[in-house]
Amino acid sequence: MKNDNMASLAMSNNLSSELKWCVTGTPMNTTVKDLKNQMEFLGVERKHTGVMFRRFVEICSEKRRLATGDLDLFQEKNRRCRVGEFLTIFRSIVMRHTMGQKYASTGLRLMKLPEKKDKTVRIAFSKEELEQYKIIENAAKCCYESSRRSSN
């Protein structure tokens, strides 16, 4: 759900239900923008979501400007007010739990994942598929090796 242009995002947003849950290992991958598509899937109005996230991105860039001295104290107070607005909305639609969290009354863990199962599935490629796979594999190897050389 990270990429706005994905067909799977459009399909998931077309699912019709009174109740929807969006369960993630971590809600943000890179930036706060990653949350936007999850909010839209849940049914938070698109217009509202867009405005909220644009504002928060502005706040984050203002925070960087404050750190460099390009923002005065009046602007900082205004920024903090907008952070509060964002968090008020965000906390009303997000429920956050950790893996170690327990029910207060029973002491039982709130979340339990099933045992991890590894399974290798071998896929037989056609001749054309194998040729394409080799091209992609070689490109990935070159990219990795180039990146590794540049980091040394």
Protein backbone atom coordinates (compact mmCIF):
# COMPACT_ATOMS: atom_id res chain seq x y z
CA MET A 1 0.00 0.00 0.00
CA LYS A 2 3.06 2.22 -0.08
CA ASN A 3 2.96 3.23 -3.75
CA ASP A 4 0.05 5.44 -4.92
CA ASN A 5 0.27 4.03 -8.46
CA MET A 6 -0.11 0.34 -7.63
CA ALA A 7 -3.11 -1.52 -9.05
CA SER A 8 -3.36 -3.47 -5.79
CA LEU A 9 -3.89 -0.19 -3.92
CA ALA A 10 -6.77 0.74 -6.20
CA MET A 11 -8.31 -2.72 -5.79
CA SER A 12 -7.96 -2.70 -2.01
CA ASN A 13 -9.51 0.77 -1.82
CA ASN A 14 -12.52 -0.55 -3.76
CA LEU A 15 -13.26 -3.21 -1.12
CA SER A 16 -16.60 -2.44 0.47
CA SER A 17 -17.12 -3.06 4.17
CA GLU A 18 -18.51 -1.28 7.20
CA LEU A 19 -15.43 -2.27 9.19
CA LYS A 20 -11.87 -2.43 7.91
CA TRP A 21 -8.61 -3.18 9.68
CA CYS A 22 -5.15 -2.43 8.42
CA VAL A 23 -2.56 -4.50 10.29
CA THR A 24 1.09 -3.69 9.73
CA GLY A 25 4.36 -4.68 11.30
CA THR A 26 5.25 -1.02 11.38
CA PRO A 27 3.05 1.75 10.02
CA MET A 28 5.88 3.87 8.62
CA ASN A 29 8.58 2.55 6.37
CA THR A 30 10.41 5.66 5.28
CA THR A 31 8.28 8.74 5.86
CA VAL A 32 4.96 9.76 7.34
CA LYS A 33 3.61 9.73 3.75
CA ASP A 34 3.63 5.90 3.96
CA LEU A 35 0.61 6.12 6.26
CA LYS A 36 -1.52 8.02 3.75
CA ASN A 37 -2.57 5.00 1.68
CA GLN A 38 -3.36 2.99 4.80
CA MET A 39 -5.67 5.77 6.01
CA GLU A 40 -7.41 5.91 2.63
CA PHE A 41 -7.93 2.13 2.70
CA LEU A 42 -9.57 2.45 6.10
CA GLY A 43 -11.99 5.00 4.69
CA VAL A 44 -10.61 8.22 6.11
CA GLU A 45 -11.80 10.74 3.56
CA ARG A 46 -9.31 11.24 0.75
CA LYS A 47 -9.47 15.03 0.87
CA HIS A 48 -9.02 15.03 4.63
CA THR A 49 -6.14 12.55 4.44
CA GLY A 50 -4.31 14.51 1.77
CA VAL A 51 -4.56 17.79 3.68
CA MET A 52 -3.51 16.16 6.94
CA PHE A 53 -0.43 14.51 5.45
CA ARG A 54 0.62 17.55 3.42
CA ARG A 55 0.48 19.61 6.61
CA PHE A 56 2.54 17.10 8.53
CA VAL A 57 5.17 16.92 5.80
CA GLU A 58 5.37 20.73 5.93
CA ILE A 59 5.79 20.53 9.69
CA CYS A 60 8.66 18.06 9.32
CA SER A 61 10.45 20.31 6.84
CA GLU A 62 9.89 23.29 9.17
CA LYS A 63 11.47 21.29 11.98
CA ARG A 64 14.59 20.85 9.84
CA ARG A 65 14.61 24.61 9.15
CA LEU A 66 14.29 25.31 12.89
CA ALA A 67 17.32 23.11 13.57
CA THR A 68 19.36 25.17 11.10
CA GLY A 69 18.13 28.50 12.52
CA ASP A 70 15.98 29.41 9.51
CA LEU A 71 12.74 29.46 11.58
CA ASP A 72 11.89 31.91 14.38
CA LEU A 73 10.13 31.13 17.69
CA PHE A 74 6.70 32.37 16.52
CA GLN A 75 6.85 29.96 13.58
CA GLU A 76 7.95 27.18 15.97
CA LYS A 77 4.86 27.77 18.18
CA ASN A 78 2.64 27.58 15.09
CA ARG A 79 4.37 24.36 14.00
CA ARG A 80 3.79 22.76 17.41
CA CYS A 81 0.09 23.64 17.19
CA ARG A 82 -0.15 21.86 13.83
CA VAL A 83 1.69 18.81 15.19
CA GLY A 84 -0.99 18.68 17.89
CA GLU A 85 -3.75 18.81 15.25
CA PHE A 86 -2.14 15.96 13.32
CA LEU A 87 -1.67 13.79 16.41
CA THR A 88 -5.26 14.39 17.57
CA ILE A 89 -6.62 13.11 14.26
CA PHE A 90 -4.06 10.34 13.94
CA ARG A 91 -4.58 8.94 17.45
CA SER A 92 -8.33 8.79 16.87
CA ILE A 93 -7.87 6.28 14.02
CA VAL A 94 -4.74 4.32 15.00
CA MET A 95 -4.42 1.66 17.67
CA ARG A 96 -0.82 0.86 18.57
CA HIS A 97 0.33 -2.31 20.30
CA THR A 98 3.68 -3.96 20.86
CA MET A 99 4.47 -7.67 20.69
CA GLY A 100 5.27 -7.77 24.42
CA GLN A 101 2.07 -6.02 25.50
CA LYS A 102 -0.19 -8.01 27.87
CA TYR A 103 -3.80 -7.85 29.03
CA ALA A 104 -3.81 -6.18 32.45
CA SER A 105 -6.53 -8.49 33.81
CA THR A 106 -5.07 -11.84 32.71
CA GLY A 107 -1.39 -11.20 32.05
CA LEU A 108 -1.74 -12.97 28.69
CA ARG A 109 0.03 -11.56 25.67
CA LEU A 110 -2.14 -9.30 23.55
CA MET A 111 -0.68 -10.55 20.28
CA LYS A 112 0.77 -13.91 19.41
CA LEU A 113 2.13 -14.81 16.02
CA PRO A 114 2.12 -18.39 14.80
CA GLU A 115 5.43 -20.23 14.50
CA LYS A 116 7.44 -19.22 11.47
CA LYS A 117 7.41 -21.88 8.77
CA ASP A 118 9.94 -21.85 5.96
CA LYS A 119 8.98 -23.51 2.72
CA THR A 120 10.88 -23.57 -0.54
CA VAL A 121 8.74 -23.77 -3.65
CA ARG A 122 10.62 -24.54 -6.84
CA ILE A 123 9.18 -23.00 -9.97
CA ALA A 124 9.88 -24.40 -13.42
CA PHE A 125 10.59 -21.55 -15.84
CA SER A 126 9.92 -21.73 -19.54
CA LYS A 127 12.94 -21.01 -21.75
CA GLU A 128 11.82 -17.38 -22.25
CA GLU A 129 11.16 -16.89 -18.53
CA LEU A 130 14.58 -18.29 -17.65
CA GLU A 131 16.26 -15.89 -20.09
CA GLN A 132 14.42 -12.92 -18.54
CA TYR A 133 15.24 -14.16 -15.04
CA LYS A 134 18.96 -14.35 -15.88
CA ILE A 135 18.90 -10.79 -17.26
CA ILE A 136 17.26 -9.48 -14.09
CA GLU A 137 19.55 -11.56 -11.84
CA ASN A 138 22.69 -10.27 -13.59
CA ALA A 139 21.47 -6.67 -13.39
CA ALA A 140 20.79 -7.08 -9.66
CA LYS A 141 24.25 -8.61 -9.12
CA CYS A 142 25.93 -5.74 -10.98
CA CYS A 143 23.97 -3.18 -8.97
CA TYR A 144 24.87 -4.89 -5.69
CA GLU A 145 28.56 -5.21 -6.57
CA SER A 146 28.71 -1.59 -7.71
CA SER A 147 27.08 -0.45 -4.47
CA ARG A 148 29.42 -2.58 -2.41
CA ARG A 149 32.50 -1.20 -4.20
CA SER A 150 31.36 2.40 -3.70
CA SER A 151 30.78 1.87 0.04
CA ASN A 152 34.37 0.65 0.57
